Amino acid sequence: MATKSLSIRIDEEMLNKLHIVADYEGRSANSEILILIRDAISLYEEKHGKIEL
């Protein structure tokens, strides 16, 4: 699977908090975001069924 790039707009306070959470978990901000996205998709699929691409 190819890795794609995504640019987001995020306010400074939220970004700073993200860095604190990521540091606490021993991850980069990028890795933390990927985990949050994975978890959101998993929750969605639990409620609505597997997403077929």
PDB file of N, CA and C in Angstrom:
ATOM      1  N   MET A   1       0.841  -1.175   0.000  1.00  0.00           N
ATOM      2  CA  MET A   1       0.000   0.000   0.000  1.00  0.00           C
ATOM      3  C   MET A   1       0.888   1.240   0.000  1.00  0.00           C
ATOM      4  N   ALA A   2       0.582   2.166  -0.891  1.00  0.00           N
ATOM      5  CA  ALA A   2       1.355   3.401  -0.979  1.00  0.00           C
ATOM      6  C   ALA A   2       1.008   4.329   0.182  1.00  0.00           C
ATOM      7  N   THR A   3       1.985   5.062   0.645  1.00  0.00           N
ATOM      8  CA  THR A   3       1.756   6.044   1.695  1.00  0.00           C
ATOM      9  C   THR A   3       1.473   7.387   1.041  1.00  0.00           C
ATOM     10  N   LYS A   4       0.358   7.978   1.409  1.00  0.00           N
ATOM     11  CA  LYS A   4      -0.043   9.277   0.865  1.00  0.00           C
ATOM     12  C   LYS A   4       0.184  10.359   1.906  1.00  0.00           C
ATOM     13  N   SER A   5       0.268  11.572   1.444  1.00  0.00           N
ATOM     14  CA  SER A   5       0.458  12.719   2.313  1.00  0.00           C
ATOM     15  C   SER A   5      -0.850  13.500   2.408  1.00  0.00           C
ATOM     16  N   LEU A   6      -1.132  14.055   3.592  1.00  0.00           N
ATOM     17  CA  LEU A   6      -2.346  14.833   3.824  1.00  0.00           C
ATOM     18  C   LEU A   6      -1.978  16.062   4.636  1.00  0.00           C
ATOM     19  N   SER A   7      -2.403  17.213   4.172  1.00  0.00           N
ATOM     20  CA  SER A   7      -2.149  18.452   4.887  1.00  0.00           C
ATOM     21  C   SER A   7      -3.439  18.853   5.595  1.00  0.00           C
ATOM     22  N   ILE A   8      -3.338  19.256   6.873  1.00  0.00           N
ATOM     23  CA  ILE A   8      -4.519  19.694   7.605  1.00  0.00           C
ATOM     24  C   ILE A   8      -4.265  21.059   8.216  1.00  0.00           C
ATOM     25  N   ARG A   9      -5.357  21.756   8.482  1.00  0.00           N
ATOM     26  CA  ARG A   9      -5.279  23.019   9.211  1.00  0.00           C
ATOM     27  C   ARG A   9      -5.676  22.715  10.650  1.00  0.00           C
ATOM     28  N   ILE A  10      -4.874  23.171  11.590  1.00  0.00           N
ATOM     29  CA  ILE A  10      -5.139  22.903  12.998  1.00  0.00           C
ATOM     30  C   ILE A  10      -4.696  24.114  13.803  1.00  0.00           C
ATOM     31  N   ASP A  11      -5.540  24.524  14.748  1.00  0.00           N
ATOM     32  CA  ASP A  11      -5.156  25.706  15.518  1.00  0.00           C
ATOM     33  C   ASP A  11      -3.992  25.368  16.453  1.00  0.00           C
ATOM     34  N   GLU A  12      -3.278  26.386  16.833  1.00  0.00           N
ATOM     35  CA  GLU A  12      -2.032  26.215  17.587  1.00  0.00           C
ATOM     36  C   GLU A  12      -2.245  25.489  18.910  1.00  0.00           C
ATOM     37  N   GLU A  13      -3.315  25.839  19.632  1.00  0.00           N
ATOM     38  CA  GLU A  13      -3.562  25.203  20.923  1.00  0.00           C
ATOM     39  C   GLU A  13      -3.802  23.701  20.760  1.00  0.00           C
ATOM     40  N   MET A  14      -4.597  23.326  19.776  1.00  0.00           N
ATOM     41  CA  MET A  14      -4.868  21.908  19.549  1.00  0.00           C
ATOM     42  C   MET A  14      -3.591  21.174  19.132  1.00  0.00           C
ATOM     43  N   LEU A  15      -2.780  21.800  18.308  1.00  0.00           N
ATOM     44  CA  LEU A  15      -1.523  21.187  17.887  1.00  0.00           C
ATOM     45  C   LEU A  15      -0.586  20.991  19.078  1.00  0.00           C
ATOM     46  N   ASN A  16      -0.509  21.987  19.940  1.00  0.00           N
ATOM     47  CA  ASN A  16       0.338  21.864  21.127  1.00  0.00           C
ATOM     48  C   ASN A  16      -0.144  20.722  22.022  1.00  0.00           C
ATOM     49  N   LYS A  17      -1.452  20.607  22.188  1.00  0.00           N
ATOM     50  CA  LYS A  17      -2.005  19.525  22.999  1.00  0.00           C
ATOM     51  C   LYS A  17      -1.742  18.175  22.356  1.00  0.00           C
ATOM     52  N   LEU A  18      -1.847  18.105  21.031  1.00  0.00           N
ATOM     53  CA  LEU A  18      -1.539  16.866  20.315  1.00  0.00           C
ATOM     54  C   LEU A  18      -0.103  16.438  20.585  1.00  0.00           C
ATOM     55  N   HIS A  19       0.822  17.383  20.546  1.00  0.00           N
ATOM     56  CA  HIS A  19       2.228  17.066  20.811  1.00  0.00           C
ATOM     57  C   HIS A  19       2.430  16.545  22.233  1.00  0.00           C
ATOM     58  N   ILE A  20       1.703  17.099  23.183  1.00  0.00           N
ATOM     59  CA  ILE A  20       1.812  16.630  24.567  1.00  0.00           C
ATOM     60  C   ILE A  20       1.308  15.195  24.679  1.00  0.00           C
ATOM     61  N   VAL A  21       0.152  14.916  24.068  1.00  0.00           N
ATOM     62  CA  VAL A  21      -0.391  13.548  24.095  1.00  0.00           C
ATOM     63  C   VAL A  21       0.567  12.585  23.410  1.00  0.00           C
ATOM     64  N   ALA A  22       1.063  12.966  22.241  1.00  0.00           N
ATOM     65  CA  ALA A  22       1.982  12.106  21.491  1.00  0.00           C
ATOM     66  C   ALA A  22       3.258  11.845  22.288  1.00  0.00           C
ATOM     67  N   ASP A  23       3.814  12.880  22.883  1.00  0.00           N
ATOM     68  CA  ASP A  23       5.019  12.709  23.700  1.00  0.00           C
ATOM     69  C   ASP A  23       4.761  11.760  24.867  1.00  0.00           C
ATOM     70  N   TYR A  24       3.619  11.917  25.518  1.00  0.00           N
ATOM     71  CA  TYR A  24       3.262  11.046  26.639  1.00  0.00           C
ATOM     72  C   TYR A  24       3.201   9.587  26.197  1.00  0.00           C
ATOM     73  N   GLU A  25       2.680   9.359  24.992  1.00  0.00           N
ATOM     74  CA  GLU A  25       2.552   8.000  24.457  1.00  0.00           C
ATOM     75  C   GLU A  25       3.846   7.498  23.817  1.00  0.00           C
ATOM     76  N   GLY A  26       4.856   8.368  23.739  1.00  0.00           N
ATOM     77  CA  GLY A  26       6.132   7.978  23.146  1.00  0.00           C
ATOM     78  C   GLY A  26       6.080   7.896  21.627  1.00  0.00           C
ATOM     79  N   ARG A  27       5.242   8.737  21.045  1.00  0.00           N
ATOM     80  CA  ARG A  27       5.055   8.717  19.592  1.00  0.00           C
ATOM     81  C   ARG A  27       5.298  10.101  19.009  1.00  0.00           C
ATOM     82  N   SER A  28       5.464  10.128  17.704  1.00  0.00           N
ATOM     83  CA  SER A  28       5.477  11.401  16.992  1.00  0.00           C
ATOM     84  C   SER A  28       4.030  11.865  16.842  1.00  0.00           C
ATOM     85  N   ALA A  29       3.852  13.134  16.530  1.00  0.00           N
ATOM     86  CA  ALA A  29       2.502  13.649  16.287  1.00  0.00           C
ATOM     87  C   ALA A  29       1.874  12.915  15.109  1.00  0.00           C
ATOM     88  N   ASN A  30       2.645  12.637  14.079  1.00  0.00           N
ATOM     89  CA  ASN A  30       2.137  11.921  12.910  1.00  0.00           C
ATOM     90  C   ASN A  30       1.628  10.536  13.301  1.00  0.00           C
ATOM     91  N   SER A  31       2.411   9.804  14.073  1.00  0.00           N
ATOM     92  CA  SER A  31       1.998   8.468  14.503  1.00  0.00           C
ATOM     93  C   SER A  31       0.748   8.528  15.367  1.00  0.00           C
ATOM     94  N   GLU A  32       0.669   9.530  16.230  1.00  0.00           N
ATOM     95  CA  GLU A  32      -0.512   9.688  17.086  1.00  0.00           C
ATOM     96  C   GLU A  32      -1.754   9.936  16.239  1.00  0.00           C
ATOM     97  N   ILE A  33      -1.639  10.788  15.235  1.00  0.00           N
ATOM     98  CA  ILE A  33      -2.767  11.061  14.342  1.00  0.00           C
ATOM     99  C   ILE A  33      -3.194   9.793  13.613  1.00  0.00           C
ATOM    100  N   LEU A  34      -2.245   9.012  13.128  1.00  0.00           N
ATOM    101  CA  LEU A  34      -2.585   7.770  12.428  1.00  0.00           C
ATOM    102  C   LEU A  34      -3.338   6.806  13.346  1.00  0.00           C
ATOM    103  N   ILE A  35      -2.933   6.732  14.600  1.00  0.00           N
ATOM    104  CA  ILE A  35      -3.620   5.859  15.558  1.00  0.00           C
ATOM    105  C   ILE A  35      -5.037   6.370  15.816  1.00  0.00           C
ATOM    106  N   LEU A  36      -5.197   7.676  15.963  1.00  0.00           N
ATOM    107  CA  LEU A  36      -6.526   8.244  16.178  1.00  0.00           C
ATOM    108  C   LEU A  36      -7.440   7.983  14.981  1.00  0.00           C
ATOM    109  N   ILE A  37      -6.902   8.118  13.777  1.00  0.00           N
ATOM    110  CA  ILE A  37      -7.690   7.842  12.571  1.00  0.00           C
ATOM    111  C   ILE A  37      -8.059   6.366  12.507  1.00  0.00           C
ATOM    112  N   ARG A  38      -7.093   5.485  12.782  1.00  0.00           N
ATOM    113  CA  ARG A  38      -7.364   4.048  12.779  1.00  0.00           C
ATOM    114  C   ARG A  38      -8.464   3.694  13.767  1.00  0.00           C
ATOM    115  N   ASP A  39      -8.400   4.272  14.965  1.00  0.00           N
ATOM    116  CA  ASP A  39      -9.409   4.005  15.986  1.00  0.00           C
ATOM    117  C   ASP A  39     -10.786   4.519  15.559  1.00  0.00           C
ATOM    118  N   ALA A  40     -10.838   5.687  14.925  1.00  0.00           N
ATOM    119  CA  ALA A  40     -12.111   6.240  14.459  1.00  0.00           C
ATOM    120  C   ALA A  40     -12.726   5.347  13.384  1.00  0.00           C
ATOM    121  N   ILE A  41     -11.896   4.852  12.472  1.00  0.00           N
ATOM    122  CA  ILE A  41     -12.392   3.952  11.429  1.00  0.00           C
ATOM    123  C   ILE A  41     -12.898   2.655  12.039  1.00  0.00           C
ATOM    124  N   SER A  42     -12.172   2.133  13.007  1.00  0.00           N
ATOM    125  CA  SER A  42     -12.580   0.904  13.679  1.00  0.00           C
ATOM    126  C   SER A  42     -13.938   1.072  14.358  1.00  0.00           C
ATOM    127  N   LEU A  43     -14.135   2.178  15.059  1.00  0.00           N
ATOM    128  CA  LEU A  43     -15.424   2.447  15.700  1.00  0.00           C
ATOM    129  C   LEU A  43     -16.542   2.561  14.675  1.00  0.00           C
ATOM    130  N   TYR A  44     -16.267   3.245  13.581  1.00  0.00           N
ATOM    131  CA  TYR A  44     -17.256   3.387  12.513  1.00  0.00           C
ATOM    132  C   TYR A  44     -17.661   2.013  11.981  1.00  0.00           C
ATOM    133  N   GLU A  45     -16.660   1.165  11.716  1.00  0.00           N
ATOM    134  CA  GLU A  45     -16.934  -0.156  11.162  1.00  0.00           C
ATOM    135  C   GLU A  45     -17.681  -1.045  12.155  1.00  0.00           C
ATOM    136  N   GLU A  46     -17.436  -0.866  13.451  1.00  0.00           N
ATOM    137  CA  GLU A  46     -18.188  -1.632  14.452  1.00  0.00           C
ATOM    138  C   GLU A  46     -19.673  -1.295  14.391  1.00  0.00           C
ATOM    139  N   LYS A  47     -19.980  -0.037  14.136  1.00  0.00           N
ATOM    140  CA  LYS A  47     -21.377   0.413  14.091  1.00  0.00           C
ATOM    141  C   LYS A  47     -22.050   0.155  12.739  1.00  0.00           C
ATOM    142  N   HIS A  48     -21.279   0.304  11.650  1.00  0.00           N
ATOM    143  CA  HIS A  48     -21.864   0.323  10.320  1.00  0.00           C
ATOM    144  C   HIS A  48     -21.413  -0.804   9.398  1.00  0.00           C
ATOM    145  N   GLY A  49     -20.525  -1.632   9.870  1.00  0.00           N
ATOM    146  CA  GLY A  49     -19.997  -2.699   9.033  1.00  0.00           C
ATOM    147  C   GLY A  49     -18.721  -2.281   8.335  1.00  0.00           C
ATOM    148  N   LYS A  50     -18.034  -3.290   7.824  1.00  0.00           N
ATOM    149  CA  LYS A  50     -16.742  -3.078   7.180  1.00  0.00           C
ATOM    150  C   LYS A  50     -16.874  -2.160   5.981  1.00  0.00           C
ATOM    151  N   ILE A  51     -15.952  -1.230   5.862  1.00  0.00           N
ATOM    152  CA  ILE A  51     -15.906  -0.342   4.711  1.00  0.00           C
ATOM    153  C   ILE A  51     -15.240  -1.101   3.571  1.00  0.00           C
ATOM    154  N   GLU A  52     -15.946  -1.279   2.493  1.00  0.00           N
ATOM    155  CA  GLU A  52     -15.398  -1.951   1.317  1.00  0.00           C
ATOM    156  C   GLU A  52     -14.943  -0.904   0.317  1.00  0.00           C
ATOM    157  N   LEU A  53     -13.708  -1.003  -0.113  1.00  0.00           N
ATOM    158  CA  LEU A  53     -13.158  -0.053  -1.079  1.00  0.00           C
ATOM    159  C   LEU A  53     -13.173  -0.629  -2.474  1.00  0.00           C
TER     160      LEU A  53
END
